[in-house]
Each structure stands twice: as C-alpha cells, then as structure tokens.
Amino acid sequence: MDKKIYGRVSESLPATIVNEDGVELHVIAVDTTGDGVNVLCDFYQRDAIVPGGNFLVGGRPVQLSISLTLPDGEGQDAPFRAKCHIAFLRRLSKERCMIGMRYVDVESQSLNRLVRYLKKSAGLNEAHWPI
C-alpha cells in the first residue's frame, strides 16, 4: 500500500509489540501509514524490541508482531495486527527513542481496517474510495 496515496496519520495510539521471544511490550504508535508504523518507547523496551540495536539476528531481519486499535471515527474501535521488520531506530532523548517498523504480513481483515482508518483520517469521502 502506498503511503503517498493515504498519507501518514500522526495520532498517538496505544500499541502492543510482541518480540521473537514472546515478550509483550506496551508502546505508543505515533505515525501510522499504509506500509508501516513508528512507535515511541523507552530504552528498556528498545532493547527488548531490537536486541543490541541489531536489526538482523542470525542473518535474518528481526520479526515482531504489533497490535493496536484503530478508531473508526464513529465511536467504534477496529483491531489491527501485523508482523513487522525494523526499518530504523532513532534516539530522541536520554530516555526515549522511536522505532520505525514496516509491515511484512498483515491479516486481510486488518488491512481493510487500516485502509478505512487511513482514508477516514485523510478526510476522503467513502463514496469516492477506489477500494
């Protein structure tokens, strides 16, 4: 999905990341696009998400699961789940950092929810949606 079509939604949403060891971490998703999401976390969480700051482990990209709830603008919440790889890691302050995650596998229902959320957030009229 092209983020240029739907843009970026900079709404802060609670999210849960599950690392490869099954550890759940509660973070804040701050930028959601059609191809990925950026999350804010502390350094403890960063180390659990990206061990040693390495995006590759054993020659393959670190894979994580993320789940968050996308508001639909009509008082309903839509769960979103995806598997992701790390795209970037950026230190923001002494205690905070941002991790960019790119979707590699999105459940079909979650993809539909994401498209709906991005389109509504962009103010696109549902009658004119191509999908």
Protein backbone atom coordinates (compact mmCIF):
# COMPACT_ATOMS: atom_id res chain seq x y z
CA MET A 1 0.00 0.00 0.00
CA ASP A 2 1.41 3.38 -0.97
CA LYS A 3 1.70 5.89 1.87
CA LYS A 4 1.66 8.71 -0.70
CA ILE A 5 -1.95 7.85 -1.53
CA TYR A 6 -3.26 7.73 2.03
CA GLY A 7 -0.61 9.76 3.83
CA ARG A 8 0.52 9.50 7.42
CA VAL A 9 -1.70 9.67 10.46
CA SER A 10 0.17 11.18 13.41
CA GLU A 11 -2.39 10.21 16.04
CA SER A 12 -0.96 8.63 19.22
CA LEU A 13 -2.41 5.16 19.79
CA PRO A 14 -1.57 2.56 22.44
CA ALA A 15 0.06 -0.48 20.86
CA THR A 16 1.45 -3.83 21.94
CA ILE A 17 4.57 -5.32 20.40
CA VAL A 18 5.45 -8.99 20.85
CA ASN A 19 9.11 -9.76 20.22
CA GLU A 20 10.54 -13.03 18.89
CA ASP A 21 10.82 -14.37 22.46
CA GLY A 22 7.11 -13.78 23.10
CA VAL A 23 7.66 -10.79 25.41
CA GLU A 24 4.81 -8.25 25.26
CA LEU A 25 5.76 -4.58 25.36
CA HIS A 26 3.29 -1.70 25.61
CA VAL A 27 4.34 1.26 23.47
CA ILE A 28 2.76 4.26 21.73
CA ALA A 29 2.23 4.22 17.96
CA VAL A 30 2.73 7.78 16.74
CA ASP A 31 2.77 7.59 12.96
CA THR A 32 0.69 5.10 11.01
CA THR A 33 0.97 4.69 7.24
CA GLY A 34 -0.02 2.12 4.66
CA ASP A 35 3.35 0.41 4.84
CA GLY A 36 4.40 0.74 8.46
CA VAL A 37 4.17 2.38 11.85
CA ASN A 38 6.53 4.31 14.12
CA VAL A 39 6.45 3.68 17.85
CA LEU A 40 7.79 5.55 20.87
CA CYS A 41 9.38 3.55 23.66
CA ASP A 42 11.91 3.74 26.45
CA PHE A 43 15.38 2.16 26.35
CA TYR A 44 14.34 -0.98 28.22
CA GLN A 45 11.65 -1.59 25.62
CA ARG A 46 14.04 -0.74 22.79
CA ASP A 47 16.49 -3.37 23.99
CA ALA A 48 13.71 -5.96 24.14
CA ILE A 49 12.48 -5.00 20.66
CA VAL A 50 15.86 -4.56 18.96
CA PRO A 51 18.41 -6.59 20.98
CA GLY A 52 21.71 -4.73 20.99
CA GLY A 53 20.38 -2.39 18.31
CA ASN A 54 20.84 -5.11 15.70
CA PHE A 55 18.11 -5.37 13.09
CA LEU A 56 19.49 -8.72 11.94
CA VAL A 57 19.76 -11.81 14.11
CA GLY A 58 21.37 -14.91 12.64
CA GLY A 59 21.43 -13.28 9.21
CA ARG A 60 17.68 -12.60 9.09
CA PRO A 61 15.67 -9.49 9.99
CA VAL A 62 14.17 -9.29 13.47
CA GLN A 63 10.45 -10.00 13.15
CA LEU A 64 7.90 -8.59 15.58
CA SER A 65 4.15 -8.58 15.92
CA ILE A 66 2.25 -5.38 16.58
CA SER A 67 -1.36 -4.92 17.55
CA LEU A 68 -3.23 -1.70 18.07
CA THR A 69 -6.77 -0.42 17.95
CA LEU A 70 -7.66 1.93 15.13
CA PRO A 71 -10.54 4.32 15.87
CA ASP A 72 -13.02 4.46 13.01
CA GLY A 73 -14.27 7.95 13.78
CA GLU A 74 -17.76 6.70 14.61
CA GLY A 75 -17.12 5.52 18.16
CA GLN A 76 -16.07 2.02 17.11
CA ASP A 77 -12.62 0.52 17.52
CA ALA A 78 -11.07 -1.76 14.93
CA PRO A 79 -8.26 -4.12 15.97
CA PHE A 80 -5.19 -4.13 13.72
CA ARG A 81 -2.48 -6.82 13.76
CA ALA A 82 0.63 -7.25 11.63
CA LYS A 83 4.06 -8.83 11.53
CA CYS A 84 6.84 -6.29 11.04
CA HIS A 85 10.55 -5.82 10.43
CA ILE A 86 12.55 -2.95 11.87
CA ALA A 87 13.19 -0.12 9.41
CA PHE A 88 15.04 2.33 11.68
CA LEU A 89 15.92 3.14 15.26
CA ARG A 90 16.27 6.76 16.38
CA ARG A 91 17.22 8.14 19.80
CA LEU A 92 15.00 11.09 20.75
CA SER A 93 16.27 11.87 24.26
CA LYS A 94 18.03 10.26 27.21
CA GLU A 95 15.01 8.09 27.94
CA ARG A 96 13.03 7.86 24.69
CA CYS A 97 13.53 6.53 21.21
CA MET A 98 11.49 5.93 18.08
CA ILE A 99 11.44 2.65 16.18
CA GLY A 100 10.20 2.53 12.62
CA MET A 101 8.51 -0.75 11.73
CA ARG A 102 7.46 -1.93 8.25
CA TYR A 103 4.66 -4.40 7.73
CA VAL A 104 5.67 -7.73 6.19
CA ASP A 105 2.45 -9.65 6.81
CA VAL A 106 -0.94 -8.10 7.56
CA GLU A 107 -4.11 -10.11 8.16
CA SER A 108 -6.65 -9.35 5.41
CA GLN A 109 -9.26 -8.00 7.85
CA SER A 110 -6.59 -5.85 9.48
CA LEU A 111 -5.55 -4.49 6.08
CA ASN A 112 -9.15 -3.49 5.35
CA ARG A 113 -9.37 -1.76 8.75
CA LEU A 114 -6.08 0.05 8.11
CA VAL A 115 -7.23 1.29 4.69
CA ARG A 116 -10.52 2.50 6.18
CA TYR A 117 -8.70 4.28 9.05
CA LEU A 118 -6.20 5.98 6.72
CA LYS A 119 -8.90 7.10 4.30
CA LYS A 120 -11.16 8.46 7.04
CA SER A 121 -8.20 10.25 8.65
CA ALA A 122 -7.33 11.80 5.28
CA GLY A 123 -10.91 13.06 5.02
CA LEU A 124 -11.69 11.03 1.90
CA ASN A 125 -15.39 10.58 1.26
CA GLU A 126 -16.30 6.87 1.39
CA ALA A 127 -18.38 7.17 -1.81
CA HIS A 128 -15.21 8.07 -3.74
CA TRP A 129 -12.95 5.33 -2.37
CA PRO A 130 -11.37 3.23 -5.11
CA ILE A 131 -11.15 0.19 -2.82
